[in-house]
Amino acid sequence: YNEHTAELKRIWTSRRHRRRGLARIVLAELETEALLRGYARIYLTTGWRQPEAVGLYLAAGYTALYDAARPAEEIGPHPFEKFLTRKVESA
């Protein structure tokens, strides 16, 4: 997206493998990789017909960059962002 922001695009889970937590694992790995590559923020969009993806991103700490009070189909692509931080490991 830019020098400080990684953009995630076209990530999805096959219908056969949904509801197992795999998307959450993939998302966490992508966030880790973005952080290792020096990005401070992730930006992504999902479509209005993917309420499960909206739920995933919100549960994973992403901030919606749209007015959630509006009907989903009026919004069009639903943008999200998340600022990345390094996890401090305890000794």
C-alpha atoms as a PDB file:
ATOM      1  CA  TYR A   1       0.000   0.000   0.000  1.00  0.00           C
ATOM      2  CA  ASN A   2       2.828   2.351   0.976  1.00  0.00           C
ATOM      3  CA  GLU A   3       6.185   2.203   2.778  1.00  0.00           C
ATOM      4  CA  HIS A   4       4.547   1.941   6.233  1.00  0.00           C
ATOM      5  CA  THR A   5       1.372   0.036   5.353  1.00  0.00           C
ATOM      6  CA  ALA A   6       1.043  -3.508   4.047  1.00  0.00           C
ATOM      7  CA  GLU A   7      -2.115  -4.323   2.118  1.00  0.00           C
ATOM      8  CA  LEU A   8      -3.721  -7.744   2.280  1.00  0.00           C
ATOM      9  CA  LYS A   9      -5.718  -8.783  -0.767  1.00  0.00           C
ATOM     10  CA  ARG A  10      -7.656 -11.804  -1.926  1.00  0.00           C
ATOM     11  CA  ILE A  11      -7.264 -14.019   1.116  1.00  0.00           C
ATOM     12  CA  TRP A  12      -9.956 -16.588   1.762  1.00  0.00           C
ATOM     13  CA  THR A  13     -10.573 -20.066   3.119  1.00  0.00           C
ATOM     14  CA  SER A  14     -12.080 -22.850   1.051  1.00  0.00           C
ATOM     15  CA  ARG A  15     -15.635 -23.737   2.097  1.00  0.00           C
ATOM     16  CA  ARG A  16     -14.426 -27.254   3.015  1.00  0.00           C
ATOM     17  CA  HIS A  17     -12.037 -25.835   5.609  1.00  0.00           C
ATOM     18  CA  ARG A  18     -14.065 -23.062   7.211  1.00  0.00           C
ATOM     19  CA  ARG A  19     -15.048 -22.806  10.890  1.00  0.00           C
ATOM     20  CA  ARG A  20     -11.760 -24.350  12.085  1.00  0.00           C
ATOM     21  CA  GLY A  21      -9.827 -21.206  12.982  1.00  0.00           C
ATOM     22  CA  LEU A  22      -7.583 -21.463   9.935  1.00  0.00           C
ATOM     23  CA  ALA A  23      -8.303 -17.935   8.705  1.00  0.00           C
ATOM     24  CA  ARG A  24      -7.312 -16.560  12.114  1.00  0.00           C
ATOM     25  CA  ILE A  25      -4.025 -18.485  11.943  1.00  0.00           C
ATOM     26  CA  VAL A  26      -3.276 -17.273   8.405  1.00  0.00           C
ATOM     27  CA  LEU A  27      -4.137 -13.687   9.358  1.00  0.00           C
ATOM     28  CA  ALA A  28      -1.824 -13.828  12.395  1.00  0.00           C
ATOM     29  CA  GLU A  29       1.014 -15.192  10.239  1.00  0.00           C
ATOM     30  CA  LEU A  30       0.511 -12.439   7.656  1.00  0.00           C
ATOM     31  CA  GLU A  31       0.570  -9.825  10.428  1.00  0.00           C
ATOM     32  CA  THR A  32       3.798 -11.282  11.831  1.00  0.00           C
ATOM     33  CA  GLU A  33       5.408 -11.291   8.394  1.00  0.00           C
ATOM     34  CA  ALA A  34       4.332  -7.693   7.755  1.00  0.00           C
ATOM     35  CA  LEU A  35       5.840  -6.641  11.074  1.00  0.00           C
ATOM     36  CA  LEU A  36       9.094  -8.479  10.315  1.00  0.00           C
ATOM     37  CA  ARG A  37       9.266  -6.660   6.985  1.00  0.00           C
ATOM     38  CA  GLY A  38       9.042  -3.316   8.746  1.00  0.00           C
ATOM     39  CA  TYR A  39       5.391  -2.386   8.257  1.00  0.00           C
ATOM     40  CA  ALA A  40       3.570  -0.575  11.042  1.00  0.00           C
ATOM     41  CA  ARG A  41       0.030  -0.912   9.701  1.00  0.00           C
ATOM     42  CA  ILE A  42      -2.111  -3.298   7.678  1.00  0.00           C
ATOM     43  CA  TYR A  43      -4.905  -2.156   5.387  1.00  0.00           C
ATOM     44  CA  LEU A  44      -7.446  -4.459   3.784  1.00  0.00           C
ATOM     45  CA  THR A  45     -10.929  -4.505   2.345  1.00  0.00           C
ATOM     46  CA  THR A  46     -13.639  -7.113   2.140  1.00  0.00           C
ATOM     47  CA  GLY A  47     -16.901  -7.183   0.281  1.00  0.00           C
ATOM     48  CA  TRP A  48     -20.297  -6.467   1.752  1.00  0.00           C
ATOM     49  CA  ARG A  49     -21.352 -10.053   1.102  1.00  0.00           C
ATOM     50  CA  GLN A  50     -18.684 -11.427   3.463  1.00  0.00           C
ATOM     51  CA  PRO A  51     -20.059 -10.829   6.973  1.00  0.00           C
ATOM     52  CA  GLU A  52     -17.896 -13.676   8.286  1.00  0.00           C
ATOM     53  CA  ALA A  53     -14.779 -11.833   7.107  1.00  0.00           C
ATOM     54  CA  VAL A  54     -15.998  -8.637   8.776  1.00  0.00           C
ATOM     55  CA  GLY A  55     -16.425 -10.583  12.024  1.00  0.00           C
ATOM     56  CA  LEU A  56     -12.953 -12.107  11.695  1.00  0.00           C
ATOM     57  CA  TYR A  57     -11.255  -8.758  11.178  1.00  0.00           C
ATOM     58  CA  LEU A  58     -13.102  -7.096  14.041  1.00  0.00           C
ATOM     59  CA  ALA A  59     -12.306 -10.032  16.366  1.00  0.00           C
ATOM     60  CA  ALA A  60      -8.636  -9.830  15.307  1.00  0.00           C
ATOM     61  CA  GLY A  61      -8.387  -6.189  16.376  1.00  0.00           C
ATOM     62  CA  TYR A  62      -8.946  -4.409  13.066  1.00  0.00           C
ATOM     63  CA  THR A  63     -10.732  -1.067  13.005  1.00  0.00           C
ATOM     64  CA  ALA A  64     -13.525  -0.564  10.500  1.00  0.00           C
ATOM     65  CA  LEU A  65     -12.932   2.522   8.345  1.00  0.00           C
ATOM     66  CA  TYR A  66     -16.593   2.909   7.412  1.00  0.00           C
ATOM     67  CA  ASP A  67     -19.870   3.751   9.082  1.00  0.00           C
ATOM     68  CA  ALA A  68     -21.174   0.395  10.328  1.00  0.00           C
ATOM     69  CA  ALA A  69     -24.597   1.958  10.885  1.00  0.00           C
ATOM     70  CA  ARG A  70     -25.126   2.166   7.115  1.00  0.00           C
ATOM     71  CA  PRO A  71     -26.490  -0.857   5.233  1.00  0.00           C
ATOM     72  CA  ALA A  72     -23.605  -3.073   4.111  1.00  0.00           C
ATOM     73  CA  GLU A  73     -24.608  -2.995   0.441  1.00  0.00           C
ATOM     74  CA  GLU A  74     -24.495   0.821   0.446  1.00  0.00           C
ATOM     75  CA  ILE A  75     -20.936   0.878   1.742  1.00  0.00           C
ATOM     76  CA  GLY A  76     -19.445  -1.264  -1.006  1.00  0.00           C
ATOM     77  CA  PRO A  77     -15.946  -2.511  -0.151  1.00  0.00           C
ATOM     78  CA  HIS A  78     -15.483  -2.512   3.627  1.00  0.00           C
ATOM     79  CA  PRO A  79     -12.041  -1.086   4.526  1.00  0.00           C
ATOM     80  CA  PHE A  80     -10.196  -1.999   7.730  1.00  0.00           C
ATOM     81  CA  GLU A  81      -6.877  -1.113   9.321  1.00  0.00           C
ATOM     82  CA  LYS A  82      -4.735  -2.443  12.129  1.00  0.00           C
ATOM     83  CA  PHE A  83      -1.626  -0.909  13.615  1.00  0.00           C
ATOM     84  CA  LEU A  84       0.998  -3.543  14.347  1.00  0.00           C
ATOM     85  CA  THR A  85       2.969  -3.773  17.573  1.00  0.00           C
ATOM     86  CA  ARG A  86       5.702  -6.107  18.630  1.00  0.00           C
ATOM     87  CA  LYS A  87       4.625  -8.554  21.315  1.00  0.00           C
ATOM     88  CA  VAL A  88       6.784  -8.408  24.424  1.00  0.00           C
ATOM     89  CA  GLU A  89       7.767 -11.877  25.556  1.00  0.00           C
ATOM     90  CA  SER A  90       7.942 -12.466  29.299  1.00  0.00           C
ATOM     91  CA  ALA A  91      10.983 -14.151  30.761  1.00  0.00           C
END
